[in-house]
N, C-alpha and C. Protein backbone atom coordinates (compact mmCIF):
# COMPACT_ATOMS: atom_id res chain seq x y z
N MET A 1 0.84 -1.18 0.00
CA MET A 1 0.00 0.00 0.00
C MET A 1 0.88 1.24 0.00
N LYS A 2 0.34 2.31 -0.56
CA LYS A 2 1.07 3.57 -0.63
C LYS A 2 0.23 4.64 0.07
N ILE A 3 0.88 5.37 1.00
CA ILE A 3 0.19 6.44 1.71
C ILE A 3 1.01 7.72 1.64
N ALA A 4 0.31 8.84 1.75
CA ALA A 4 0.95 10.15 1.75
C ALA A 4 0.79 10.78 3.13
N ILE A 5 1.83 11.45 3.57
CA ILE A 5 1.81 12.14 4.86
C ILE A 5 2.37 13.54 4.64
N ILE A 6 1.64 14.57 5.11
CA ILE A 6 2.14 15.92 4.90
C ILE A 6 3.27 16.23 5.87
N THR A 7 4.30 16.90 5.34
CA THR A 7 5.49 17.15 6.13
C THR A 7 6.27 18.31 5.53
N ASP A 8 7.14 18.87 6.32
CA ASP A 8 8.09 19.85 5.81
C ASP A 8 9.52 19.34 5.93
N ASP A 9 9.72 18.29 6.74
CA ASP A 9 11.08 17.79 6.95
C ASP A 9 11.24 16.28 6.70
N GLY A 10 10.15 15.60 6.37
CA GLY A 10 10.22 14.16 6.12
C GLY A 10 10.16 13.31 7.38
N LYS A 11 10.20 13.95 8.54
CA LYS A 11 10.21 13.21 9.81
C LYS A 11 8.97 13.47 10.66
N THR A 12 8.52 14.72 10.66
CA THR A 12 7.36 15.08 11.47
C THR A 12 6.18 15.43 10.58
N ILE A 13 4.99 15.14 11.08
CA ILE A 13 3.77 15.43 10.34
C ILE A 13 3.40 16.89 10.58
N SER A 14 3.16 17.60 9.51
CA SER A 14 2.83 19.02 9.61
C SER A 14 1.47 19.22 10.29
N GLN A 15 1.33 20.37 10.94
CA GLN A 15 0.12 20.70 11.67
C GLN A 15 -1.05 21.04 10.76
N HIS A 16 -0.78 21.51 9.55
CA HIS A 16 -1.86 21.98 8.69
C HIS A 16 -1.65 21.54 7.25
N PHE A 17 -2.61 20.85 6.70
CA PHE A 17 -2.52 20.34 5.34
C PHE A 17 -2.20 21.43 4.33
N GLY A 18 -2.93 22.54 4.35
CA GLY A 18 -2.78 23.59 3.34
C GLY A 18 -1.43 24.27 3.34
N ARG A 19 -0.77 24.30 4.49
CA ARG A 19 0.50 25.02 4.60
C ARG A 19 1.73 24.15 4.38
N ALA A 20 1.57 22.84 4.42
CA ALA A 20 2.71 21.94 4.26
C ALA A 20 3.27 22.03 2.84
N ASN A 21 4.58 21.82 2.72
CA ASN A 21 5.25 21.95 1.43
C ASN A 21 5.55 20.62 0.74
N PHE A 22 5.44 19.51 1.47
CA PHE A 22 5.80 18.21 0.89
C PHE A 22 4.85 17.12 1.34
N TYR A 23 4.82 16.06 0.55
CA TYR A 23 4.23 14.80 0.94
C TYR A 23 5.38 13.81 1.12
N ALA A 24 5.39 13.11 2.22
CA ALA A 24 6.24 11.92 2.34
C ALA A 24 5.35 10.79 1.84
N VAL A 25 5.73 10.16 0.76
CA VAL A 25 4.94 9.06 0.20
C VAL A 25 5.67 7.77 0.56
N LEU A 26 4.97 6.94 1.33
CA LEU A 26 5.58 5.71 1.85
C LEU A 26 4.85 4.49 1.29
N THR A 27 5.63 3.52 0.89
CA THR A 27 5.08 2.23 0.50
C THR A 27 5.27 1.30 1.69
N ILE A 28 4.19 0.62 2.06
CA ILE A 28 4.23 -0.27 3.22
C ILE A 28 3.82 -1.67 2.78
N GLU A 29 4.67 -2.63 3.12
CA GLU A 29 4.39 -4.03 2.81
C GLU A 29 4.65 -4.86 4.07
N ASN A 30 3.70 -5.71 4.40
CA ASN A 30 3.84 -6.57 5.59
C ASN A 30 4.18 -5.77 6.85
N GLY A 31 3.56 -4.61 6.99
CA GLY A 31 3.75 -3.80 8.19
C GLY A 31 5.06 -3.04 8.26
N GLN A 32 5.83 -3.06 7.19
CA GLN A 32 7.14 -2.39 7.16
C GLN A 32 7.18 -1.35 6.05
N ILE A 33 7.87 -0.25 6.30
CA ILE A 33 8.09 0.76 5.26
C ILE A 33 9.17 0.24 4.34
N THR A 34 8.82 0.03 3.08
CA THR A 34 9.77 -0.54 2.13
C THR A 34 10.31 0.49 1.14
N GLN A 35 9.63 1.60 1.03
CA GLN A 35 10.08 2.64 0.11
C GLN A 35 9.55 3.99 0.59
N ARG A 36 10.32 5.04 0.37
CA ARG A 36 9.86 6.38 0.72
C ARG A 36 10.37 7.38 -0.31
N GLU A 37 9.56 8.37 -0.54
CA GLU A 37 9.96 9.47 -1.43
C GLU A 37 9.32 10.75 -0.94
N MET A 38 9.95 11.85 -1.25
CA MET A 38 9.40 13.17 -0.94
C MET A 38 8.86 13.75 -2.24
N ARG A 39 7.63 14.21 -2.20
CA ARG A 39 7.02 14.86 -3.36
C ARG A 39 6.63 16.28 -2.98
N GLU A 40 6.90 17.21 -3.88
CA GLU A 40 6.48 18.58 -3.63
C GLU A 40 4.97 18.64 -3.58
N LYS A 41 4.47 19.51 -2.71
CA LYS A 41 3.03 19.68 -2.54
C LYS A 41 2.68 21.14 -2.76
N LEU A 42 1.67 21.37 -3.55
CA LEU A 42 1.16 22.73 -3.66
C LEU A 42 0.63 23.13 -2.29
N SER A 43 0.89 24.36 -1.90
CA SER A 43 0.42 24.85 -0.60
C SER A 43 -0.20 26.22 -0.79
N HIS A 44 -0.66 26.80 0.31
CA HIS A 44 -1.29 28.12 0.23
C HIS A 44 -0.39 29.13 -0.48
N LYS A 45 0.92 29.03 -0.30
CA LYS A 45 1.82 30.00 -0.92
C LYS A 45 1.78 29.94 -2.45
N HIS A 46 1.46 28.77 -3.02
CA HIS A 46 1.36 28.64 -4.47
C HIS A 46 0.15 29.35 -5.05
N PHE A 47 -0.82 29.59 -4.18
CA PHE A 47 -2.05 30.24 -4.62
C PHE A 47 -2.14 31.67 -4.10
N ALA A 48 -1.01 32.25 -3.71
CA ALA A 48 -0.98 33.57 -3.09
C ALA A 48 -1.55 34.67 -3.97
N ASN A 49 -1.41 34.54 -5.28
CA ASN A 49 -1.90 35.57 -6.18
C ASN A 49 -3.39 35.42 -6.48
N GLU A 50 -3.97 34.32 -6.05
CA GLU A 50 -5.40 34.12 -6.24
C GLU A 50 -6.14 34.69 -5.05
N GLU A 51 -7.37 35.07 -5.29
CA GLU A 51 -8.20 35.54 -4.18
C GLU A 51 -8.52 34.33 -3.32
N HIS A 52 -8.23 34.42 -2.04
CA HIS A 52 -8.39 33.29 -1.13
C HIS A 52 -9.11 33.78 0.11
N ASP A 53 -10.33 33.38 0.28
CA ASP A 53 -11.14 33.84 1.40
C ASP A 53 -11.25 32.76 2.46
N HIS A 54 -10.62 32.99 3.60
CA HIS A 54 -10.68 32.05 4.71
C HIS A 54 -11.75 32.46 5.72
N THR A 55 -12.56 33.45 5.40
CA THR A 55 -13.58 33.88 6.35
C THR A 55 -14.81 32.99 6.25
N HIS A 56 -15.41 32.74 7.38
CA HIS A 56 -16.65 32.00 7.45
C HIS A 56 -17.32 32.31 8.77
N LYS A 57 -18.58 32.03 8.86
CA LYS A 57 -19.34 32.31 10.07
C LYS A 57 -18.94 31.35 11.17
N ALA A 58 -19.13 31.79 12.42
CA ALA A 58 -18.83 30.93 13.57
C ALA A 58 -19.58 29.62 13.44
N GLY A 59 -18.86 28.53 13.66
CA GLY A 59 -19.47 27.21 13.57
C GLY A 59 -19.57 26.66 12.17
N GLU A 60 -19.23 27.46 11.17
CA GLU A 60 -19.30 27.04 9.77
C GLU A 60 -17.92 26.59 9.32
N LEU A 61 -17.84 25.49 8.62
CA LEU A 61 -16.58 24.98 8.13
C LEU A 61 -16.26 25.60 6.78
N HIS A 62 -14.98 25.85 6.53
CA HIS A 62 -14.60 26.50 5.26
C HIS A 62 -14.04 25.50 4.26
N GLY A 63 -13.87 25.98 3.04
CA GLY A 63 -13.22 25.18 2.01
C GLY A 63 -14.16 24.45 1.08
N PHE A 64 -15.44 24.81 1.10
CA PHE A 64 -16.40 24.13 0.23
C PHE A 64 -16.76 24.93 -1.01
N ASP A 65 -16.26 26.17 -1.12
CA ASP A 65 -16.56 26.96 -2.31
C ASP A 65 -15.80 26.37 -3.51
N SER A 66 -16.22 26.71 -4.71
CA SER A 66 -15.65 26.08 -5.90
C SER A 66 -14.16 26.38 -6.07
N ALA A 67 -13.72 27.59 -5.73
CA ALA A 67 -12.29 27.92 -5.86
C ALA A 67 -11.45 27.06 -4.91
N SER A 68 -11.92 26.89 -3.69
CA SER A 68 -11.20 26.05 -2.73
C SER A 68 -11.17 24.61 -3.19
N GLN A 69 -12.28 24.11 -3.68
CA GLN A 69 -12.33 22.73 -4.15
C GLN A 69 -11.37 22.51 -5.32
N THR A 70 -11.25 23.50 -6.19
CA THR A 70 -10.30 23.40 -7.30
C THR A 70 -8.88 23.33 -6.77
N ARG A 71 -8.54 24.18 -5.80
CA ARG A 71 -7.20 24.16 -5.20
C ARG A 71 -6.92 22.82 -4.53
N HIS A 72 -7.89 22.31 -3.79
CA HIS A 72 -7.70 21.02 -3.12
C HIS A 72 -7.45 19.91 -4.15
N GLY A 73 -8.17 19.97 -5.25
CA GLY A 73 -7.96 18.99 -6.31
C GLY A 73 -6.55 19.07 -6.88
N GLN A 74 -6.05 20.29 -7.06
CA GLN A 74 -4.69 20.46 -7.55
C GLN A 74 -3.68 19.94 -6.54
N MET A 75 -3.95 20.14 -5.25
CA MET A 75 -3.05 19.64 -4.21
C MET A 75 -3.02 18.11 -4.18
N SER A 76 -4.15 17.48 -4.53
CA SER A 76 -4.22 16.02 -4.45
C SER A 76 -3.66 15.32 -5.68
N GLU A 77 -3.48 16.03 -6.76
CA GLU A 77 -3.03 15.41 -8.01
C GLU A 77 -1.71 14.64 -7.82
N THR A 78 -0.82 15.16 -7.03
CA THR A 78 0.49 14.55 -6.81
C THR A 78 0.41 13.21 -6.08
N ILE A 79 -0.69 12.98 -5.35
CA ILE A 79 -0.79 11.75 -4.56
C ILE A 79 -1.96 10.86 -5.00
N LYS A 80 -2.37 11.01 -6.24
CA LYS A 80 -3.53 10.23 -6.69
C LYS A 80 -3.27 8.73 -6.69
N ASP A 81 -2.00 8.31 -6.56
CA ASP A 81 -1.67 6.89 -6.48
C ASP A 81 -1.65 6.36 -5.04
N CYS A 82 -2.03 7.22 -4.08
CA CYS A 82 -2.02 6.83 -2.67
C CYS A 82 -3.43 6.53 -2.19
N GLU A 83 -3.53 5.60 -1.26
CA GLU A 83 -4.85 5.25 -0.72
C GLU A 83 -5.25 6.13 0.45
N ALA A 84 -4.28 6.77 1.11
CA ALA A 84 -4.59 7.58 2.30
C ALA A 84 -3.69 8.80 2.35
N LEU A 85 -4.17 9.81 3.06
CA LEU A 85 -3.42 11.03 3.34
C LEU A 85 -3.51 11.29 4.83
N ILE A 86 -2.37 11.38 5.49
CA ILE A 86 -2.32 11.60 6.93
C ILE A 86 -1.78 12.99 7.21
N CYS A 87 -2.47 13.71 8.09
CA CYS A 87 -2.00 15.03 8.51
C CYS A 87 -2.41 15.24 9.96
N ARG A 88 -2.04 16.40 10.54
CA ARG A 88 -2.41 16.69 11.92
C ARG A 88 -3.44 17.80 12.01
N GLY A 89 -3.82 18.37 10.90
CA GLY A 89 -4.86 19.39 10.85
C GLY A 89 -5.27 19.62 9.41
N MET A 90 -6.56 19.95 9.22
CA MET A 90 -7.06 20.08 7.86
C MET A 90 -8.42 20.76 7.90
N GLY A 91 -8.73 21.49 6.85
CA GLY A 91 -10.05 22.06 6.71
C GLY A 91 -11.04 21.01 6.24
N ALA A 92 -12.29 21.21 6.60
CA ALA A 92 -13.33 20.24 6.24
C ALA A 92 -13.50 20.11 4.73
N GLY A 93 -13.33 21.21 4.00
CA GLY A 93 -13.45 21.15 2.55
C GLY A 93 -12.39 20.28 1.92
N ALA A 94 -11.15 20.41 2.38
CA ALA A 94 -10.06 19.58 1.87
C ALA A 94 -10.29 18.11 2.23
N TYR A 95 -10.76 17.88 3.44
CA TYR A 95 -11.03 16.52 3.92
C TYR A 95 -12.04 15.83 3.01
N GLU A 96 -13.14 16.51 2.74
CA GLU A 96 -14.19 15.94 1.90
C GLU A 96 -13.72 15.79 0.45
N ASN A 97 -12.91 16.74 -0.02
CA ASN A 97 -12.38 16.67 -1.38
C ASN A 97 -11.51 15.43 -1.56
N MET A 98 -10.68 15.13 -0.57
CA MET A 98 -9.83 13.93 -0.67
C MET A 98 -10.69 12.68 -0.74
N LYS A 99 -11.73 12.61 0.09
CA LYS A 99 -12.62 11.45 0.07
C LYS A 99 -13.26 11.28 -1.30
N GLU A 100 -13.70 12.39 -1.90
CA GLU A 100 -14.32 12.33 -3.22
C GLU A 100 -13.35 11.82 -4.28
N ARG A 101 -12.07 12.01 -4.07
CA ARG A 101 -11.05 11.57 -5.03
C ARG A 101 -10.53 10.17 -4.73
N GLY A 102 -11.12 9.51 -3.74
CA GLY A 102 -10.72 8.14 -3.42
C GLY A 102 -9.50 8.04 -2.53
N ILE A 103 -9.13 9.14 -1.89
CA ILE A 103 -7.99 9.16 -0.97
C ILE A 103 -8.56 9.30 0.43
N ARG A 104 -8.26 8.38 1.31
CA ARG A 104 -8.79 8.43 2.68
C ARG A 104 -8.00 9.44 3.51
N PRO A 105 -8.63 10.55 3.91
CA PRO A 105 -7.93 11.52 4.75
C PRO A 105 -8.01 11.09 6.21
N ILE A 106 -6.92 11.30 6.94
CA ILE A 106 -6.87 10.96 8.35
C ILE A 106 -6.17 12.10 9.09
N ILE A 107 -6.80 12.56 10.14
CA ILE A 107 -6.18 13.56 11.01
C ILE A 107 -5.72 12.82 12.25
N THR A 108 -4.44 12.87 12.50
CA THR A 108 -3.87 12.11 13.61
C THR A 108 -3.27 13.03 14.66
N ASP A 109 -3.03 12.47 15.83
CA ASP A 109 -2.29 13.19 16.86
C ASP A 109 -0.88 12.62 16.99
N ILE A 110 -0.52 11.71 16.11
CA ILE A 110 0.82 11.11 16.09
C ILE A 110 1.76 12.09 15.38
N PRO A 111 2.82 12.54 16.02
CA PRO A 111 3.69 13.54 15.39
C PRO A 111 4.72 13.01 14.38
N ALA A 112 5.12 11.75 14.48
CA ALA A 112 6.19 11.21 13.64
C ALA A 112 5.63 10.50 12.40
N VAL A 113 6.21 10.81 11.24
CA VAL A 113 5.79 10.23 9.97
C VAL A 113 5.80 8.71 10.02
N ASP A 114 6.92 8.12 10.41
CA ASP A 114 7.04 6.67 10.40
C ASP A 114 6.06 6.01 11.37
N ASP A 115 5.90 6.57 12.56
CA ASP A 115 4.98 6.00 13.54
C ASP A 115 3.54 6.01 13.02
N ALA A 116 3.15 7.11 12.39
CA ALA A 116 1.79 7.20 11.84
C ALA A 116 1.58 6.21 10.70
N ALA A 117 2.58 6.05 9.87
CA ALA A 117 2.49 5.11 8.74
C ALA A 117 2.31 3.68 9.24
N ILE A 118 3.07 3.31 10.23
CA ILE A 118 2.98 1.95 10.78
C ILE A 118 1.63 1.75 11.48
N ALA A 119 1.16 2.76 12.19
CA ALA A 119 -0.16 2.67 12.86
C ALA A 119 -1.26 2.53 11.82
N TYR A 120 -1.15 3.27 10.70
CA TYR A 120 -2.15 3.15 9.64
C TYR A 120 -2.15 1.73 9.08
N ALA A 121 -0.97 1.21 8.76
CA ALA A 121 -0.86 -0.12 8.17
C ALA A 121 -1.41 -1.19 9.10
N ALA A 122 -1.28 -0.97 10.41
CA ALA A 122 -1.77 -1.94 11.39
C ALA A 122 -3.26 -1.75 11.70
N GLY A 123 -3.86 -0.72 11.12
CA GLY A 123 -5.27 -0.45 11.38
C GLY A 123 -5.51 0.15 12.75
N GLU A 124 -4.47 0.77 13.32
CA GLU A 124 -4.56 1.30 14.68
C GLU A 124 -4.62 2.82 14.76
N ILE A 125 -4.63 3.50 13.63
CA ILE A 125 -4.64 4.96 13.66
C ILE A 125 -6.06 5.46 13.89
N VAL A 126 -6.19 6.54 14.65
CA VAL A 126 -7.47 7.13 14.96
C VAL A 126 -7.62 8.40 14.13
N ASP A 127 -8.76 8.56 13.47
CA ASP A 127 -9.05 9.75 12.69
C ASP A 127 -9.76 10.76 13.59
N HIS A 128 -9.06 11.83 13.92
CA HIS A 128 -9.58 12.86 14.84
C HIS A 128 -10.33 13.93 14.05
N ILE A 129 -11.51 13.56 13.57
CA ILE A 129 -12.29 14.51 12.76
C ILE A 129 -12.74 15.73 13.56
N GLU A 130 -12.67 15.65 14.87
CA GLU A 130 -13.01 16.82 15.69
C GLU A 130 -12.01 17.96 15.50
N LYS A 131 -10.87 17.67 14.87
CA LYS A 131 -9.87 18.70 14.60
C LYS A 131 -10.08 19.39 13.25
N LEU A 132 -11.11 19.00 12.51
CA LEU A 132 -11.41 19.68 11.24
C LEU A 132 -11.81 21.12 11.54
N HIS A 133 -11.43 22.01 10.66
CA HIS A 133 -11.85 23.40 10.82
C HIS A 133 -12.45 23.92 9.52
C-alpha cells in the first residue's frame, strides 16, 4: 500500500494540510516501510496571487466553495496513487475533497511520519475529525 503524509522535513507530520510543502509518500508491505519518497506539494503560498477567502461564520466549516475545491484537487493530483493522506490538521473542505477523489484523509495526533504510517498499516490509527476546521 502507498500512503501520503504531509510534512516539511520528512520526519514530522505538519500541523496543517494547506501550509505543508511536501508529501512523504511511503510504500508499506507486511507492516514495514519498504520505500519512501518526498514529493512537492502545492500549498497556500502557491495560490498567493489568487483571491483566497478564509472567512466564514462561527461554527461554519470552510473550504467548500468552488475555488477552494479546485485548489484542493490540484493539491491532491500529486498523490492520486495513494490510498490515504495523513495530517495533523485540515479544513473540512479539503477533507471531503480527498474522500471524493478516493484518498482516505486521516487527522492524527501522532507527530512522527514513520509512527503514523505503521499505525495506519496496522489499522490502529485514529481519525480525529473533531480537529477539522
